[in-house]
Amino acid sequence: MSIFLTPEEVAELTGIRRGCKGKSREQRQATALKSMGVPHYINAAKRPIVARAAIEGSAAALAKSNAPAVEAWEPVMH
């Protein structure tokens, strides 16, 4: 398994599989990734590159952010 998402996985993540209105698929994917807050790079071929760890890390962070807040324990003074 590569440390980067495949072009097919980037298409699945963004929901964008082709260009439209004068923009290439890669341009539209980069715009979608930016709006989703997914860290990515644009390589020399103008293709968005997403590190697999960025997605896995985002999922872990999301799970933590949805967890109920735990209040600090304080002793009861009598």
PDB file of N, CA and C in Angstrom:
ATOM      1  N   MET A   1       0.848  -1.174   0.000  1.00  0.00           N
ATOM      2  CA  MET A   1       0.000   0.000   0.000  1.00  0.00           C
ATOM      3  C   MET A   1       0.895   1.239   0.000  1.00  0.00           C
ATOM      4  N   SER A   2       0.576   2.166  -0.865  1.00  0.00           N
ATOM      5  CA  SER A   2       1.335   3.400  -1.004  1.00  0.00           C
ATOM      6  C   SER A   2       1.036   4.346   0.156  1.00  0.00           C
ATOM      7  N   ILE A   3       1.972   5.241   0.420  1.00  0.00           N
ATOM      8  CA  ILE A   3       1.724   6.246   1.456  1.00  0.00           C
ATOM      9  C   ILE A   3       0.827   7.359   0.938  1.00  0.00           C
ATOM     10  N   PHE A   4       0.566   7.359  -0.381  1.00  0.00           N
ATOM     11  CA  PHE A   4      -0.308   8.358  -0.981  1.00  0.00           C
ATOM     12  C   PHE A   4      -1.568   7.703  -1.523  1.00  0.00           C
ATOM     13  N   LEU A   5      -2.684   8.442  -1.518  1.00  0.00           N
ATOM     14  CA  LEU A   5      -3.912   7.942  -2.126  1.00  0.00           C
ATOM     15  C   LEU A   5      -3.714   7.816  -3.630  1.00  0.00           C
ATOM     16  N   THR A   6      -4.336   6.808  -4.221  1.00  0.00           N
ATOM     17  CA  THR A   6      -4.294   6.643  -5.666  1.00  0.00           C
ATOM     18  C   THR A   6      -5.219   7.676  -6.306  1.00  0.00           C
ATOM     19  N   PRO A   7      -5.060   7.925  -7.619  1.00  0.00           N
ATOM     20  CA  PRO A   7      -5.993   8.849  -8.284  1.00  0.00           C
ATOM     21  C   PRO A   7      -7.454   8.408  -8.126  1.00  0.00           C
ATOM     22  N   GLU A   8      -7.692   7.110  -8.115  1.00  0.00           N
ATOM     23  CA  GLU A   8      -9.058   6.606  -7.931  1.00  0.00           C
ATOM     24  C   GLU A   8      -9.572   6.921  -6.525  1.00  0.00           C
ATOM     25  N   GLU A   9      -8.696   6.813  -5.526  1.00  0.00           N
ATOM     26  CA  GLU A   9      -9.105   7.120  -4.154  1.00  0.00           C
ATOM     27  C   GLU A   9      -9.361   8.619  -3.974  1.00  0.00           C
ATOM     28  N   VAL A  10      -8.569   9.447  -4.631  1.00  0.00           N
ATOM     29  CA  VAL A  10      -8.810  10.902  -4.570  1.00  0.00           C
ATOM     30  C   VAL A  10     -10.152  11.224  -5.222  1.00  0.00           C
ATOM     31  N   ALA A  11     -10.452  10.539  -6.332  1.00  0.00           N
ATOM     32  CA  ALA A  11     -11.745  10.737  -6.993  1.00  0.00           C
ATOM     33  C   ALA A  11     -12.890  10.312  -6.082  1.00  0.00           C
ATOM     34  N   GLU A  12     -12.718   9.203  -5.376  1.00  0.00           N
ATOM     35  CA  GLU A  12     -13.751   8.725  -4.448  1.00  0.00           C
ATOM     36  C   GLU A  12     -13.922   9.708  -3.284  1.00  0.00           C
ATOM     37  N   LEU A  13     -12.823  10.184  -2.758  1.00  0.00           N
ATOM     38  CA  LEU A  13     -12.862  11.117  -1.630  1.00  0.00           C
ATOM     39  C   LEU A  13     -13.557  12.416  -2.006  1.00  0.00           C
ATOM     40  N   THR A  14     -13.226  12.954  -3.167  1.00  0.00           N
ATOM     41  CA  THR A  14     -13.783  14.252  -3.575  1.00  0.00           C
ATOM     42  C   THR A  14     -15.119  14.142  -4.285  1.00  0.00           C
ATOM     43  N   GLY A  15     -15.390  12.961  -4.865  1.00  0.00           N
ATOM     44  CA  GLY A  15     -16.604  12.801  -5.648  1.00  0.00           C
ATOM     45  C   GLY A  15     -16.461  13.378  -7.048  1.00  0.00           C
ATOM     46  N   ILE A  16     -15.245  13.702  -7.442  1.00  0.00           N
ATOM     47  CA  ILE A  16     -14.993  14.329  -8.748  1.00  0.00           C
ATOM     48  C   ILE A  16     -14.175  13.376  -9.609  1.00  0.00           C
ATOM     49  N   ARG A  17     -14.762  12.991 -10.747  1.00  0.00           N
ATOM     50  CA  ARG A  17     -14.100  12.044 -11.639  1.00  0.00           C
ATOM     51  C   ARG A  17     -13.780  12.623 -13.009  1.00  0.00           C
ATOM     52  N   ARG A  18     -14.248  13.844 -13.288  1.00  0.00           N
ATOM     53  CA  ARG A  18     -13.936  14.464 -14.585  1.00  0.00           C
ATOM     54  C   ARG A  18     -13.999  15.984 -14.486  1.00  0.00           C
ATOM     55  N   GLY A  19     -13.421  16.610 -15.496  1.00  0.00           N
ATOM     56  CA  GLY A  19     -13.418  18.061 -15.554  1.00  0.00           C
ATOM     57  C   GLY A  19     -14.784  18.597 -15.958  1.00  0.00           C
ATOM     58  N   CYS A  20     -14.949  19.902 -15.774  1.00  0.00           N
ATOM     59  CA  CYS A  20     -16.225  20.532 -16.086  1.00  0.00           C
ATOM     60  C   CYS A  20     -16.024  22.041 -16.179  1.00  0.00           C
ATOM     61  N   LYS A  21     -16.728  22.670 -17.100  1.00  0.00           N
ATOM     62  CA  LYS A  21     -16.726  24.137 -17.238  1.00  0.00           C
ATOM     63  C   LYS A  21     -15.315  24.706 -17.374  1.00  0.00           C
ATOM     64  N   GLY A  22     -14.502  24.062 -18.213  1.00  0.00           N
ATOM     65  CA  GLY A  22     -13.162  24.564 -18.486  1.00  0.00           C
ATOM     66  C   GLY A  22     -12.114  24.243 -17.441  1.00  0.00           C
ATOM     67  N   LYS A  23     -12.486  23.512 -16.394  1.00  0.00           N
ATOM     68  CA  LYS A  23     -11.529  23.129 -15.364  1.00  0.00           C
ATOM     69  C   LYS A  23     -11.254  21.633 -15.484  1.00  0.00           C
ATOM     70  N   SER A  24      -9.999  21.280 -15.273  1.00  0.00           N
ATOM     71  CA  SER A  24      -9.629  19.863 -15.334  1.00  0.00           C
ATOM     72  C   SER A  24     -10.124  19.139 -14.085  1.00  0.00           C
ATOM     73  N   ARG A  25     -10.147  17.821 -14.175  1.00  0.00           N
ATOM     74  CA  ARG A  25     -10.528  17.002 -13.019  1.00  0.00           C
ATOM     75  C   ARG A  25      -9.626  17.337 -11.840  1.00  0.00           C
ATOM     76  N   GLU A  26      -8.319  17.462 -12.097  1.00  0.00           N
ATOM     77  CA  GLU A  26      -7.359  17.722 -11.033  1.00  0.00           C
ATOM     78  C   GLU A  26      -7.578  19.087 -10.384  1.00  0.00           C
ATOM     79  N   GLN A  27      -7.916  20.091 -11.181  1.00  0.00           N
ATOM     80  CA  GLN A  27      -8.206  21.415 -10.620  1.00  0.00           C
ATOM     81  C   GLN A  27      -9.434  21.355  -9.719  1.00  0.00           C
ATOM     82  N   ARG A  28     -10.454  20.671 -10.188  1.00  0.00           N
ATOM     83  CA  ARG A  28     -11.685  20.554  -9.391  1.00  0.00           C
ATOM     84  C   ARG A  28     -11.441  19.753  -8.117  1.00  0.00           C
ATOM     85  N   GLN A  29     -10.626  18.685  -8.209  1.00  0.00           N
ATOM     86  CA  GLN A  29     -10.317  17.893  -7.024  1.00  0.00           C
ATOM     87  C   GLN A  29      -9.546  18.724  -6.004  1.00  0.00           C
ATOM     88  N   ALA A  30      -8.564  19.505  -6.476  1.00  0.00           N
ATOM     89  CA  ALA A  30      -7.784  20.346  -5.565  1.00  0.00           C
ATOM     90  C   ALA A  30      -8.682  21.358  -4.852  1.00  0.00           C
ATOM     91  N   THR A  31      -9.627  21.935  -5.573  1.00  0.00           N
ATOM     92  CA  THR A  31     -10.570  22.879  -4.965  1.00  0.00           C
ATOM     93  C   THR A  31     -11.423  22.176  -3.909  1.00  0.00           C
ATOM     94  N   ALA A  32     -11.889  20.975  -4.227  1.00  0.00           N
ATOM     95  CA  ALA A  32     -12.704  20.214  -3.278  1.00  0.00           C
ATOM     96  C   ALA A  32     -11.898  19.836  -2.038  1.00  0.00           C
ATOM     97  N   LEU A  33     -10.670  19.395  -2.230  1.00  0.00           N
ATOM     98  CA  LEU A  33      -9.821  19.026  -1.091  1.00  0.00           C
ATOM     99  C   LEU A  33      -9.586  20.228  -0.194  1.00  0.00           C
ATOM    100  N   LYS A  34      -9.346  21.386  -0.801  1.00  0.00           N
ATOM    101  CA  LYS A  34      -9.129  22.608  -0.017  1.00  0.00           C
ATOM    102  C   LYS A  34     -10.377  22.953   0.793  1.00  0.00           C
ATOM    103  N   SER A  35     -11.545  22.876   0.169  1.00  0.00           N
ATOM    104  CA  SER A  35     -12.783  23.216   0.889  1.00  0.00           C
ATOM    105  C   SER A  35     -13.105  22.208   1.978  1.00  0.00           C
ATOM    106  N   MET A  36     -12.638  20.964   1.804  1.00  0.00           N
ATOM    107  CA  MET A  36     -12.846  19.921   2.812  1.00  0.00           C
ATOM    108  C   MET A  36     -11.808  19.992   3.930  1.00  0.00           C
ATOM    109  N   GLY A  37     -10.787  20.815   3.742  1.00  0.00           N
ATOM    110  CA  GLY A  37      -9.741  20.926   4.756  1.00  0.00           C
ATOM    111  C   GLY A  37      -8.766  19.761   4.740  1.00  0.00           C
ATOM    112  N   VAL A  38      -8.665  19.075   3.621  1.00  0.00           N
ATOM    113  CA  VAL A  38      -7.766  17.926   3.503  1.00  0.00           C
ATOM    114  C   VAL A  38      -6.407  18.423   3.024  1.00  0.00           C
ATOM    115  N   PRO A  39      -5.357  18.222   3.813  1.00  0.00           N
ATOM    116  CA  PRO A  39      -4.031  18.646   3.371  1.00  0.00           C
ATOM    117  C   PRO A  39      -3.615  17.872   2.121  1.00  0.00           C
ATOM    118  N   HIS A  40      -3.071  18.585   1.157  1.00  0.00           N
ATOM    119  CA  HIS A  40      -2.640  17.952  -0.090  1.00  0.00           C
ATOM    120  C   HIS A  40      -1.566  18.799  -0.749  1.00  0.00           C
ATOM    121  N   TYR A  41      -0.912  18.198  -1.714  1.00  0.00           N
ATOM    122  CA  TYR A  41       0.123  18.864  -2.500  1.00  0.00           C
ATOM    123  C   TYR A  41      -0.253  18.750  -3.963  1.00  0.00           C
ATOM    124  N   ILE A  42       0.209  19.672  -4.759  1.00  0.00           N
ATOM    125  CA  ILE A  42       0.038  19.594  -6.206  1.00  0.00           C
ATOM    126  C   ILE A  42       1.403  19.206  -6.773  1.00  0.00           C
ATOM    127  N   ASN A  43       1.484  18.076  -7.465  1.00  0.00           N
ATOM    128  CA  ASN A  43       2.771  17.633  -7.995  1.00  0.00           C
ATOM    129  C   ASN A  43       3.080  18.314  -9.319  1.00  0.00           C
ATOM    130  N   ALA A  44       4.212  17.963  -9.922  1.00  0.00           N
ATOM    131  CA  ALA A  44       4.646  18.598 -11.168  1.00  0.00           C
ATOM    132  C   ALA A  44       3.686  18.326 -12.321  1.00  0.00           C
ATOM    133  N   ALA A  45       2.931  17.253 -12.246  1.00  0.00           N
ATOM    134  CA  ALA A  45       1.941  16.926 -13.276  1.00  0.00           C
ATOM    135  C   ALA A  45       0.601  17.611 -13.001  1.00  0.00           C
ATOM    136  N   LYS A  46       0.579  18.525 -12.014  1.00  0.00           N
ATOM    137  CA  LYS A  46      -0.625  19.290 -11.640  1.00  0.00           C
ATOM    138  C   LYS A  46      -1.722  18.404 -11.045  1.00  0.00           C
ATOM    139  N   ARG A  47      -1.319  17.289 -10.426  1.00  0.00           N
ATOM    140  CA  ARG A  47      -2.273  16.365  -9.825  1.00  0.00           C
ATOM    141  C   ARG A  47      -2.239  16.510  -8.314  1.00  0.00           C
ATOM    142  N   PRO A  48      -3.405  16.566  -7.638  1.00  0.00           N
ATOM    143  CA  PRO A  48      -3.402  16.665  -6.174  1.00  0.00           C
ATOM    144  C   PRO A  48      -2.926  15.346  -5.552  1.00  0.00           C
ATOM    145  N   ILE A  49      -1.995  15.459  -4.623  1.00  0.00           N
ATOM    146  CA  ILE A  49      -1.434  14.309  -3.934  1.00  0.00           C
ATOM    147  C   ILE A  49      -1.835  14.409  -2.467  1.00  0.00           C
ATOM    148  N   VAL A  50      -2.460  13.341  -1.962  1.00  0.00           N
ATOM    149  CA  VAL A  50      -2.936  13.314  -0.579  1.00  0.00           C
ATOM    150  C   VAL A  50      -2.218  12.188   0.147  1.00  0.00           C
ATOM    151  N   ALA A  51      -1.572  12.509   1.250  1.00  0.00           N
ATOM    152  CA  ALA A  51      -0.927  11.486   2.070  1.00  0.00           C
ATOM    153  C   ALA A  51      -2.010  10.679   2.781  1.00  0.00           C
ATOM    154  N   ARG A  52      -1.859   9.376   2.752  1.00  0.00           N
ATOM    155  CA  ARG A  52      -2.822   8.492   3.410  1.00  0.00           C
ATOM    156  C   ARG A  52      -2.952   8.849   4.890  1.00  0.00           C
ATOM    157  N   ALA A  53      -1.846   9.228   5.522  1.00  0.00           N
ATOM    158  CA  ALA A  53      -1.860   9.592   6.942  1.00  0.00           C
ATOM    159  C   ALA A  53      -2.745  10.806   7.209  1.00  0.00           C
ATOM    160  N   ALA A  54      -2.865  11.701   6.238  1.00  0.00           N
ATOM    161  CA  ALA A  54      -3.723  12.877   6.427  1.00  0.00           C
ATOM    162  C   ALA A  54      -5.176  12.462   6.581  1.00  0.00           C
ATOM    163  N   ILE A  55      -5.582  11.440   5.848  1.00  0.00           N
ATOM    164  CA  ILE A  55      -6.957  10.958   5.935  1.00  0.00           C
ATOM    165  C   ILE A  55      -7.154  10.139   7.192  1.00  0.00           C
ATOM    166  N   GLU A  56      -6.219   9.256   7.472  1.00  0.00           N
ATOM    167  CA  GLU A  56      -6.328   8.432   8.669  1.00  0.00           C
ATOM    168  C   GLU A  56      -6.272   9.294   9.921  1.00  0.00           C
ATOM    169  N   GLY A  57      -5.402  10.307   9.906  1.00  0.00           N
ATOM    170  CA  GLY A  57      -5.300  11.226  11.042  1.00  0.00           C
ATOM    171  C   GLY A  57      -6.569  12.028  11.214  1.00  0.00           C
ATOM    172  N   SER A  58      -7.181  12.459  10.112  1.00  0.00           N
ATOM    173  CA  SER A  58      -8.420  13.226  10.177  1.00  0.00           C
ATOM    174  C   SER A  58      -9.541  12.383  10.760  1.00  0.00           C
ATOM    175  N   ALA A  59      -9.588  11.111  10.401  1.00  0.00           N
ATOM    176  CA  ALA A  59     -10.626  10.229  10.938  1.00  0.00           C
ATOM    177  C   ALA A  59     -10.457  10.055  12.440  1.00  0.00           C
ATOM    178  N   ALA A  60      -9.203   9.915  12.896  1.00  0.00           N
ATOM    179  CA  ALA A  60      -8.946   9.769  14.327  1.00  0.00           C
ATOM    180  C   ALA A  60      -9.307  11.052  15.069  1.00  0.00           C
ATOM    181  N   ALA A  61      -8.966  12.197  14.484  1.00  0.00           N
ATOM    182  CA  ALA A  61      -9.292  13.469  15.117  1.00  0.00           C
ATOM    183  C   ALA A  61     -10.803  13.671  15.179  1.00  0.00           C
ATOM    184  N   LEU A  62     -11.497  13.276  14.120  1.00  0.00           N
ATOM    185  CA  LEU A  62     -12.950  13.413  14.094  1.00  0.00           C
ATOM    186  C   LEU A  62     -13.584  12.543  15.171  1.00  0.00           C
ATOM    187  N   ALA A  63     -13.099  11.329  15.323  1.00  0.00           N
ATOM    188  CA  ALA A  63     -13.642  10.433  16.340  1.00  0.00           C
ATOM    189  C   ALA A  63     -13.455  11.027  17.732  1.00  0.00           C
ATOM    190  N   LYS A  64     -12.297  11.637  17.969  1.00  0.00           N
ATOM    191  CA  LYS A  64     -12.036  12.255  19.268  1.00  0.00           C
ATOM    192  C   LYS A  64     -12.925  13.476  19.474  1.00  0.00           C
ATOM    193  N   SER A  65     -13.140  14.271  18.425  1.00  0.00           N
ATOM    194  CA  SER A  65     -13.944  15.481  18.572  1.00  0.00           C
ATOM    195  C   SER A  65     -15.408  15.163  18.816  1.00  0.00           C
ATOM    196  N   ASN A  66     -15.867  13.985  18.395  1.00  0.00           N
ATOM    197  CA  ASN A  66     -17.252  13.587  18.607  1.00  0.00           C
ATOM    198  C   ASN A  66     -17.456  12.860  19.928  1.00  0.00           C
ATOM    199  N   ALA A  67     -16.362  12.577  20.624  1.00  0.00           N
ATOM    200  CA  ALA A  67     -16.469  11.893  21.910  1.00  0.00           C
ATOM    201  C   ALA A  67     -17.033  12.863  22.949  1.00  0.00           C
ATOM    202  N   PRO A  68     -17.829  12.357  23.889  1.00  0.00           N
ATOM    203  CA  PRO A  68     -18.362  13.251  24.917  1.00  0.00           C
ATOM    204  C   PRO A  68     -17.229  13.806  25.782  1.00  0.00           C
ATOM    205  N   ALA A  69     -17.390  15.037  26.204  1.00  0.00           N
ATOM    206  CA  ALA A  69     -16.371  15.659  27.049  1.00  0.00           C
ATOM    207  C   ALA A  69     -16.366  14.994  28.415  1.00  0.00           C
ATOM    208  N   VAL A  70     -15.183  14.766  28.924  1.00  0.00           N
ATOM    209  CA  VAL A  70     -15.034  14.160  30.251  1.00  0.00           C
ATOM    210  C   VAL A  70     -14.613  15.255  31.197  1.00  0.00           C
ATOM    211  N   GLU A  71     -15.401  15.428  32.244  1.00  0.00           N
ATOM    212  CA  GLU A  71     -15.078  16.461  33.220  1.00  0.00           C
ATOM    213  C   GLU A  71     -13.991  15.953  34.158  1.00  0.00           C
ATOM    214  N   ALA A  72     -13.171  16.867  34.619  1.00  0.00           N
ATOM    215  CA  ALA A  72     -12.098  16.511  35.554  1.00  0.00           C
ATOM    216  C   ALA A  72     -12.715  16.079  36.876  1.00  0.00           C
ATOM    217  N   TRP A  73     -12.120  15.092  37.498  1.00  0.00           N
ATOM    218  CA  TRP A  73     -12.596  14.613  38.788  1.00  0.00           C
ATOM    219  C   TRP A  73     -12.122  15.525  39.871  1.00  0.00           C
ATOM    220  N   GLU A  74     -13.002  15.854  40.793  1.00  0.00           N
ATOM    221  CA  GLU A  74     -12.631  16.676  41.949  1.00  0.00           C
ATOM    222  C   GLU A  74     -13.161  15.987  43.194  1.00  0.00           C
ATOM    223  N   PRO A  75     -12.368  15.946  44.248  1.00  0.00           N
ATOM    224  CA  PRO A  75     -12.832  15.305  45.477  1.00  0.00           C
ATOM    225  C   PRO A  75     -13.946  16.133  46.140  1.00  0.00           C
ATOM    226  N   VAL A  76     -14.830  15.456  46.814  1.00  0.00           N
ATOM    227  CA  VAL A  76     -15.912  16.135  47.527  1.00  0.00           C
ATOM    228  C   VAL A  76     -15.441  16.438  48.932  1.00  0.00           C
ATOM    229  N   MET A  77     -15.544  17.703  49.315  1.00  0.00           N
ATOM    230  CA  MET A  77     -15.122  18.112  50.663  1.00  0.00           C
ATOM    231  C   MET A  77     -16.322  18.056  51.603  1.00  0.00           C
ATOM    232  N   HIS A  78     -16.132  17.343  52.712  1.00  0.00           N
ATOM    233  CA  HIS A  78     -17.198  17.253  53.727  1.00  0.00           C
ATOM    234  C   HIS A  78     -16.858  18.021  54.948  1.00  0.00           C
TER     235      HIS A  78
END
